[in-house]
Amino acid sequence: MNVIWITATLLSRGLLAVAETEKCPDMPIHRITPGANVSVRCPNTTGAEVKFELWKDKCKVGSVTRKQNQTETEGAVDFRDQDQNTTARFVLSQVDRNSTGIFACNAERLYPPPYLKSPGVENMVVVNELPQVRACPLEKPTEAWIWAALGVAAAYSLIMTGIAVGLWHYLKNKQNIQHDYMNMKPKAVRKKQGVQHPVRTGRY
């Protein structure tokens, strides 16, 4: 049982150490006031057909596909491209408290081959009107995962302890039953010995 508790303790400390070493992702942080504008730059990607996607908190907001001189827009996004080769970006206009989040622009070269996908740099947008915004909003799933792992470790320790205690009681009861059986076992009855007469030899 001591081995089980030691293993559970080491596992718990290891998970806590991992939680302490994890830090907020290294990304640009834009602290702006409500009603202001902020730009989310896209990777420099060239090609006859290029697609740019705007993401917020790992969810797709919209996209823009550029085909030579034509532009196809999906979603309510403001895309600006001053040069066909560089400075492509999405503009967030008139931001409010609901605009707070982590934004990123990903670029895909659809033509000519080969297909190329360029992930953009994540940018955190923080509206000052919302003072309770945390600098690391995406760490909640990690914290939940750590608590779940600790719960599994604790449950495993309890189960193993219960099995060990039950096995100990079983062996102890079995030993007591064998001991009682040996004490209650009747002794073998001695065979009566008759009178032995000496063997006579010769004549009577």
C-alpha atoms as a PDB file:
ATOM      1  CA  MET A   1       0.000   0.000   0.000  1.00  0.00           C
ATOM      2  CA  ASN A   2       2.905   2.361   0.659  1.00  0.00           C
ATOM      3  CA  VAL A   3       4.048   1.920  -2.939  1.00  0.00           C
ATOM      4  CA  ILE A   4       0.588   2.943  -4.189  1.00  0.00           C
ATOM      5  CA  TRP A   5       0.503   6.126  -2.114  1.00  0.00           C
ATOM      6  CA  ILE A   6       4.045   7.055  -3.155  1.00  0.00           C
ATOM      7  CA  THR A   7       3.143   6.586  -6.833  1.00  0.00           C
ATOM      8  CA  ALA A   8       0.011   8.724  -6.489  1.00  0.00           C
ATOM      9  CA  THR A   9       1.958  11.469  -4.694  1.00  0.00           C
ATOM     10  CA  LEU A  10       4.674  11.577  -7.349  1.00  0.00           C
ATOM     11  CA  LEU A  11       2.073  11.694 -10.127  1.00  0.00           C
ATOM     12  CA  SER A  12       0.247  14.584  -8.467  1.00  0.00           C
ATOM     13  CA  ARG A  13       3.452  16.557  -7.986  1.00  0.00           C
ATOM     14  CA  GLY A  14       4.451  15.965 -11.596  1.00  0.00           C
ATOM     15  CA  LEU A  15       1.141  17.300 -12.881  1.00  0.00           C
ATOM     16  CA  LEU A  16       1.386  20.357 -10.649  1.00  0.00           C
ATOM     17  CA  ALA A  17       4.913  21.011 -11.895  1.00  0.00           C
ATOM     18  CA  VAL A  18       3.675  20.909 -15.482  1.00  0.00           C
ATOM     19  CA  ALA A  19       0.906  23.369 -14.617  1.00  0.00           C
ATOM     20  CA  GLU A  20       3.372  25.775 -13.022  1.00  0.00           C
ATOM     21  CA  THR A  21       5.790  25.669 -15.954  1.00  0.00           C
ATOM     22  CA  GLU A  22       3.086  26.448 -18.508  1.00  0.00           C
ATOM     23  CA  LYS A  23       2.870  30.146 -19.267  1.00  0.00           C
ATOM     24  CA  CYS A  24       0.767  32.325 -21.460  1.00  0.00           C
ATOM     25  CA  PRO A  25       1.576  32.046 -25.149  1.00  0.00           C
ATOM     26  CA  ASP A  26       4.045  34.593 -26.469  1.00  0.00           C
ATOM     27  CA  MET A  27       1.961  36.791 -28.742  1.00  0.00           C
ATOM     28  CA  PRO A  28       1.427  40.483 -29.491  1.00  0.00           C
ATOM     29  CA  ILE A  29      -1.167  42.116 -27.242  1.00  0.00           C
ATOM     30  CA  HIS A  30      -3.207  45.067 -28.508  1.00  0.00           C
ATOM     31  CA  ARG A  31      -4.880  47.042 -25.713  1.00  0.00           C
ATOM     32  CA  ILE A  32      -7.370  49.421 -27.271  1.00  0.00           C
ATOM     33  CA  THR A  33     -10.372  51.471 -26.276  1.00  0.00           C
ATOM     34  CA  PRO A  34     -13.941  50.827 -27.437  1.00  0.00           C
ATOM     35  CA  GLY A  35     -14.670  52.212 -30.890  1.00  0.00           C
ATOM     36  CA  ALA A  36     -11.076  51.997 -32.113  1.00  0.00           C
ATOM     37  CA  ASN A  37      -9.710  49.985 -35.046  1.00  0.00           C
ATOM     38  CA  VAL A  38      -7.079  47.270 -34.992  1.00  0.00           C
ATOM     39  CA  SER A  39      -5.376  45.369 -37.823  1.00  0.00           C
ATOM     40  CA  VAL A  40      -4.599  41.656 -37.971  1.00  0.00           C
ATOM     41  CA  ARG A  41      -1.771  41.122 -40.441  1.00  0.00           C
ATOM     42  CA  CYS A  42      -1.634  38.101 -42.727  1.00  0.00           C
ATOM     43  CA  PRO A  43       1.445  36.156 -43.866  1.00  0.00           C
ATOM     44  CA  ASN A  44       3.110  37.322 -47.067  1.00  0.00           C
ATOM     45  CA  THR A  45       1.842  34.857 -49.660  1.00  0.00           C
ATOM     46  CA  THR A  46       2.016  35.178 -53.439  1.00  0.00           C
ATOM     47  CA  GLY A  47       0.156  33.277 -56.131  1.00  0.00           C
ATOM     48  CA  ALA A  48      -2.530  33.487 -58.773  1.00  0.00           C
ATOM     49  CA  GLU A  49      -5.134  32.316 -56.259  1.00  0.00           C
ATOM     50  CA  VAL A  50      -4.629  32.998 -52.559  1.00  0.00           C
ATOM     51  CA  LYS A  51      -7.075  32.597 -49.696  1.00  0.00           C
ATOM     52  CA  PHE A  52      -6.898  34.513 -46.405  1.00  0.00           C
ATOM     53  CA  GLU A  53      -8.884  33.406 -43.348  1.00  0.00           C
ATOM     54  CA  LEU A  54      -9.613  35.385 -40.184  1.00  0.00           C
ATOM     55  CA  TRP A  55      -9.871  33.359 -36.959  1.00  0.00           C
ATOM     56  CA  LYS A  56     -10.980  34.397 -33.498  1.00  0.00           C
ATOM     57  CA  ASP A  57     -10.447  32.112 -30.488  1.00  0.00           C
ATOM     58  CA  LYS A  58      -9.893  29.109 -32.798  1.00  0.00           C
ATOM     59  CA  CYS A  59     -13.173  29.817 -34.646  1.00  0.00           C
ATOM     60  CA  LYS A  60     -13.319  30.971 -38.259  1.00  0.00           C
ATOM     61  CA  VAL A  61     -14.827  34.442 -38.686  1.00  0.00           C
ATOM     62  CA  GLY A  62     -14.564  34.859 -42.448  1.00  0.00           C
ATOM     63  CA  SER A  63     -12.306  34.536 -45.462  1.00  0.00           C
ATOM     64  CA  VAL A  64     -11.236  36.322 -48.620  1.00  0.00           C
ATOM     65  CA  THR A  65     -10.125  34.559 -51.808  1.00  0.00           C
ATOM     66  CA  ARG A  66      -8.069  36.598 -54.226  1.00  0.00           C
ATOM     67  CA  LYS A  67      -8.044  35.451 -57.875  1.00  0.00           C
ATOM     68  CA  GLN A  68      -5.947  37.737 -60.023  1.00  0.00           C
ATOM     69  CA  ASN A  69      -8.087  40.908 -60.094  1.00  0.00           C
ATOM     70  CA  GLN A  70     -11.157  39.405 -58.422  1.00  0.00           C
ATOM     71  CA  THR A  71     -11.876  39.073 -54.712  1.00  0.00           C
ATOM     72  CA  GLU A  72     -14.448  36.747 -53.131  1.00  0.00           C
ATOM     73  CA  THR A  73     -15.459  37.518 -49.554  1.00  0.00           C
ATOM     74  CA  GLU A  74     -17.078  35.129 -47.078  1.00  0.00           C
ATOM     75  CA  GLY A  75     -18.477  36.581 -43.864  1.00  0.00           C
ATOM     76  CA  ALA A  76     -18.644  40.138 -42.567  1.00  0.00           C
ATOM     77  CA  VAL A  77     -14.940  40.954 -42.653  1.00  0.00           C
ATOM     78  CA  ASP A  78     -12.975  44.024 -43.706  1.00  0.00           C
ATOM     79  CA  PHE A  79     -10.009  42.897 -45.799  1.00  0.00           C
ATOM     80  CA  ARG A  80      -7.435  45.331 -47.111  1.00  0.00           C
ATOM     81  CA  ASP A  81      -4.634  44.584 -49.524  1.00  0.00           C
ATOM     82  CA  GLN A  82      -2.690  47.619 -50.695  1.00  0.00           C
ATOM     83  CA  ASP A  83      -0.143  45.511 -52.560  1.00  0.00           C
ATOM     84  CA  GLN A  84      -0.719  42.231 -54.367  1.00  0.00           C
ATOM     85  CA  ASN A  85       2.370  40.793 -52.692  1.00  0.00           C
ATOM     86  CA  THR A  86       2.456  42.183 -49.143  1.00  0.00           C
ATOM     87  CA  THR A  87       0.592  44.054 -46.384  1.00  0.00           C
ATOM     88  CA  ALA A  88      -2.552  41.918 -46.579  1.00  0.00           C
ATOM     89  CA  ARG A  89      -4.571  42.309 -43.382  1.00  0.00           C
ATOM     90  CA  PHE A  90      -7.999  42.223 -41.790  1.00  0.00           C
ATOM     91  CA  VAL A  91      -9.239  45.340 -40.032  1.00  0.00           C
ATOM     92  CA  LEU A  92     -11.437  45.159 -36.945  1.00  0.00           C
ATOM     93  CA  SER A  93     -13.472  48.351 -36.913  1.00  0.00           C
ATOM     94  CA  GLN A  94     -15.393  49.942 -34.045  1.00  0.00           C
ATOM     95  CA  VAL A  95     -14.427  47.243 -31.561  1.00  0.00           C
ATOM     96  CA  ASP A  96     -16.391  46.726 -28.360  1.00  0.00           C
ATOM     97  CA  ARG A  97     -16.197  44.445 -25.350  1.00  0.00           C
ATOM     98  CA  ASN A  98     -17.294  41.474 -27.473  1.00  0.00           C
ATOM     99  CA  SER A  99     -14.266  41.993 -29.712  1.00  0.00           C
ATOM    100  CA  THR A 100     -11.851  40.870 -27.006  1.00  0.00           C
ATOM    101  CA  GLY A 101     -10.120  37.656 -28.021  1.00  0.00           C
ATOM    102  CA  ILE A 102      -7.229  36.052 -29.870  1.00  0.00           C
ATOM    103  CA  PHE A 103      -7.157  36.741 -33.608  1.00  0.00           C
ATOM    104  CA  ALA A 104      -5.058  35.218 -36.369  1.00  0.00           C
ATOM    105  CA  CYS A 105      -4.913  35.382 -40.154  1.00  0.00           C
ATOM    106  CA  ASN A 106      -3.963  32.227 -42.057  1.00  0.00           C
ATOM    107  CA  ALA A 107      -3.005  32.265 -45.732  1.00  0.00           C
ATOM    108  CA  GLU A 108      -3.343  29.474 -48.302  1.00  0.00           C
ATOM    109  CA  ARG A 109      -1.893  29.414 -51.790  1.00  0.00           C
ATOM    110  CA  LEU A 110      -4.394  27.490 -53.894  1.00  0.00           C
ATOM    111  CA  TYR A 111      -2.791  28.071 -57.300  1.00  0.00           C
ATOM    112  CA  PRO A 112      -0.272  27.494 -58.769  1.00  0.00           C
ATOM    113  CA  PRO A 113       0.859  24.205 -57.213  1.00  0.00           C
ATOM    114  CA  PRO A 114       2.184  23.171 -54.836  1.00  0.00           C
ATOM    115  CA  TYR A 115      -0.469  23.955 -52.237  1.00  0.00           C
ATOM    116  CA  LEU A 116       0.985  26.048 -49.429  1.00  0.00           C
ATOM    117  CA  LYS A 117      -0.555  26.941 -46.073  1.00  0.00           C
ATOM    118  CA  SER A 118       1.015  29.683 -43.965  1.00  0.00           C
ATOM    119  CA  PRO A 119      -0.321  30.081 -40.413  1.00  0.00           C
ATOM    120  CA  GLY A 120      -0.355  33.630 -39.146  1.00  0.00           C
ATOM    121  CA  VAL A 121       0.820  35.065 -35.860  1.00  0.00           C
ATOM    122  CA  GLU A 122      -1.821  35.112 -33.127  1.00  0.00           C
ATOM    123  CA  ASN A 123      -2.696  38.568 -31.804  1.00  0.00           C
ATOM    124  CA  MET A 124      -4.541  39.204 -28.569  1.00  0.00           C
ATOM    125  CA  VAL A 125      -6.993  42.087 -28.660  1.00  0.00           C
ATOM    126  CA  VAL A 126      -7.982  43.435 -25.251  1.00  0.00           C
ATOM    127  CA  VAL A 127     -10.619  46.131 -24.916  1.00  0.00           C
ATOM    128  CA  ASN A 128      -9.829  48.276 -21.882  1.00  0.00           C
ATOM    129  CA  GLU A 129     -13.519  48.527 -21.049  1.00  0.00           C
ATOM    130  CA  LEU A 130     -13.310  44.947 -19.797  1.00  0.00           C
ATOM    131  CA  PRO A 131     -10.835  45.014 -16.871  1.00  0.00           C
ATOM    132  CA  GLN A 132     -11.520  41.437 -15.797  1.00  0.00           C
ATOM    133  CA  VAL A 133     -10.126  40.022 -19.036  1.00  0.00           C
ATOM    134  CA  ARG A 134      -7.369  37.550 -18.324  1.00  0.00           C
ATOM    135  CA  ALA A 135      -4.135  37.668 -20.242  1.00  0.00           C
ATOM    136  CA  CYS A 136      -4.356  33.949 -20.913  1.00  0.00           C
ATOM    137  CA  PRO A 137      -7.985  33.001 -21.702  1.00  0.00           C
ATOM    138  CA  LEU A 138      -7.073  29.766 -23.470  1.00  0.00           C
ATOM    139  CA  GLU A 139      -5.518  28.127 -20.398  1.00  0.00           C
ATOM    140  CA  LYS A 140      -8.842  26.998 -18.916  1.00  0.00           C
ATOM    141  CA  PRO A 141      -8.988  23.689 -20.835  1.00  0.00           C
ATOM    142  CA  THR A 142      -5.458  22.888 -19.644  1.00  0.00           C
ATOM    143  CA  GLU A 143      -6.420  23.562 -16.031  1.00  0.00           C
ATOM    144  CA  ALA A 144      -9.495  21.359 -16.397  1.00  0.00           C
ATOM    145  CA  TRP A 145      -7.343  18.598 -17.874  1.00  0.00           C
ATOM    146  CA  ILE A 146      -4.977  18.781 -14.886  1.00  0.00           C
ATOM    147  CA  TRP A 147      -7.837  18.495 -12.402  1.00  0.00           C
ATOM    148  CA  ALA A 148      -9.248  15.554 -14.354  1.00  0.00           C
ATOM    149  CA  ALA A 149      -5.864  13.816 -14.257  1.00  0.00           C
ATOM    150  CA  LEU A 150      -5.601  14.402 -10.513  1.00  0.00           C
ATOM    151  CA  GLY A 151      -9.081  12.944 -10.055  1.00  0.00           C
ATOM    152  CA  VAL A 152      -8.151   9.850 -12.044  1.00  0.00           C
ATOM    153  CA  ALA A 153      -4.961   9.425 -10.001  1.00  0.00           C
ATOM    154  CA  ALA A 154      -6.885   9.752  -6.729  1.00  0.00           C
ATOM    155  CA  ALA A 155      -9.544   7.282  -7.881  1.00  0.00           C
ATOM    156  CA  TYR A 156      -6.851   4.833  -8.972  1.00  0.00           C
ATOM    157  CA  SER A 157      -5.154   5.100  -5.569  1.00  0.00           C
ATOM    158  CA  LEU A 158      -8.427   4.477  -3.732  1.00  0.00           C
ATOM    159  CA  ILE A 159      -9.266   1.489  -5.918  1.00  0.00           C
ATOM    160  CA  MET A 160      -5.837  -0.075  -5.467  1.00  0.00           C
ATOM    161  CA  THR A 161      -5.992   0.545  -1.715  1.00  0.00           C
ATOM    162  CA  GLY A 162      -9.414  -1.106  -1.538  1.00  0.00           C
ATOM    163  CA  ILE A 163      -8.172  -4.109  -3.499  1.00  0.00           C
ATOM    164  CA  ALA A 164      -5.124  -4.441  -1.238  1.00  0.00           C
ATOM    165  CA  VAL A 165      -7.239  -4.238   1.937  1.00  0.00           C
ATOM    166  CA  GLY A 166      -9.764  -6.733   0.585  1.00  0.00           C
ATOM    167  CA  LEU A 167      -7.025  -9.159  -0.412  1.00  0.00           C
ATOM    168  CA  TRP A 168      -5.432  -8.840   3.018  1.00  0.00           C
ATOM    169  CA  HIS A 169      -8.745  -9.622   4.761  1.00  0.00           C
ATOM    170  CA  TYR A 170      -9.333 -12.562   2.433  1.00  0.00           C
ATOM    171  CA  LEU A 171      -5.929 -14.096   3.133  1.00  0.00           C
ATOM    172  CA  LYS A 172      -6.316 -13.496   6.860  1.00  0.00           C
ATOM    173  CA  ASN A 173      -9.750 -15.179   6.950  1.00  0.00           C
ATOM    174  CA  LYS A 174      -8.456 -18.078   4.902  1.00  0.00           C
ATOM    175  CA  GLN A 175      -5.568 -18.545   7.307  1.00  0.00           C
ATOM    176  CA  ASN A 176      -7.925 -18.465  10.312  1.00  0.00           C
ATOM    177  CA  ILE A 177     -10.208 -21.055   8.708  1.00  0.00           C
ATOM    178  CA  GLN A 178      -7.298 -23.381   8.072  1.00  0.00           C
ATOM    179  CA  HIS A 179      -6.111 -22.933  11.658  1.00  0.00           C
ATOM    180  CA  ASP A 180      -9.586 -23.728  13.053  1.00  0.00           C
ATOM    181  CA  TYR A 181      -9.851 -26.758  10.801  1.00  0.00           C
ATOM    182  CA  MET A 182      -6.567 -28.159  12.083  1.00  0.00           C
ATOM    183  CA  ASN A 183      -7.701 -27.690  15.701  1.00  0.00           C
ATOM    184  CA  MET A 184     -11.094 -29.330  15.092  1.00  0.00           C
ATOM    185  CA  LYS A 185      -9.815 -32.285  13.090  1.00  0.00           C
ATOM    186  CA  PRO A 186     -10.438 -35.535  15.120  1.00  0.00           C
ATOM    187  CA  LYS A 187      -7.440 -37.581  16.025  1.00  0.00           C
ATOM    188  CA  ALA A 188      -7.060 -40.994  14.479  1.00  0.00           C
ATOM    189  CA  VAL A 189      -8.434 -43.855  16.643  1.00  0.00           C
ATOM    190  CA  ARG A 190      -5.786 -46.181  17.870  1.00  0.00           C
ATOM    191  CA  LYS A 191      -6.179 -49.761  16.867  1.00  0.00           C
ATOM    192  CA  LYS A 192      -6.645 -52.094  19.795  1.00  0.00           C
ATOM    193  CA  GLN A 193      -3.773 -54.442  20.224  1.00  0.00           C
ATOM    194  CA  GLY A 194      -4.637 -57.995  21.259  1.00  0.00           C
ATOM    195  CA  VAL A 195      -2.676 -60.153  23.652  1.00  0.00           C
ATOM    196  CA  GLN A 196       0.265 -61.607  21.919  1.00  0.00           C
ATOM    197  CA  HIS A 197       1.092 -65.180  22.865  1.00  0.00           C
ATOM    198  CA  PRO A 198       4.622 -66.437  22.501  1.00  0.00           C
ATOM    199  CA  VAL A 199       5.133 -68.840  19.714  1.00  0.00           C
ATOM    200  CA  ARG A 200       5.940 -72.268  20.971  1.00  0.00           C
ATOM    201  CA  THR A 201       8.245 -74.502  19.053  1.00  0.00           C
ATOM    202  CA  GLY A 202       8.886 -78.176  19.362  1.00  0.00           C
ATOM    203  CA  ARG A 203       6.641 -80.816  20.805  1.00  0.00           C
ATOM    204  CA  TYR A 204       4.045 -80.401  23.466  1.00  0.00           C
END
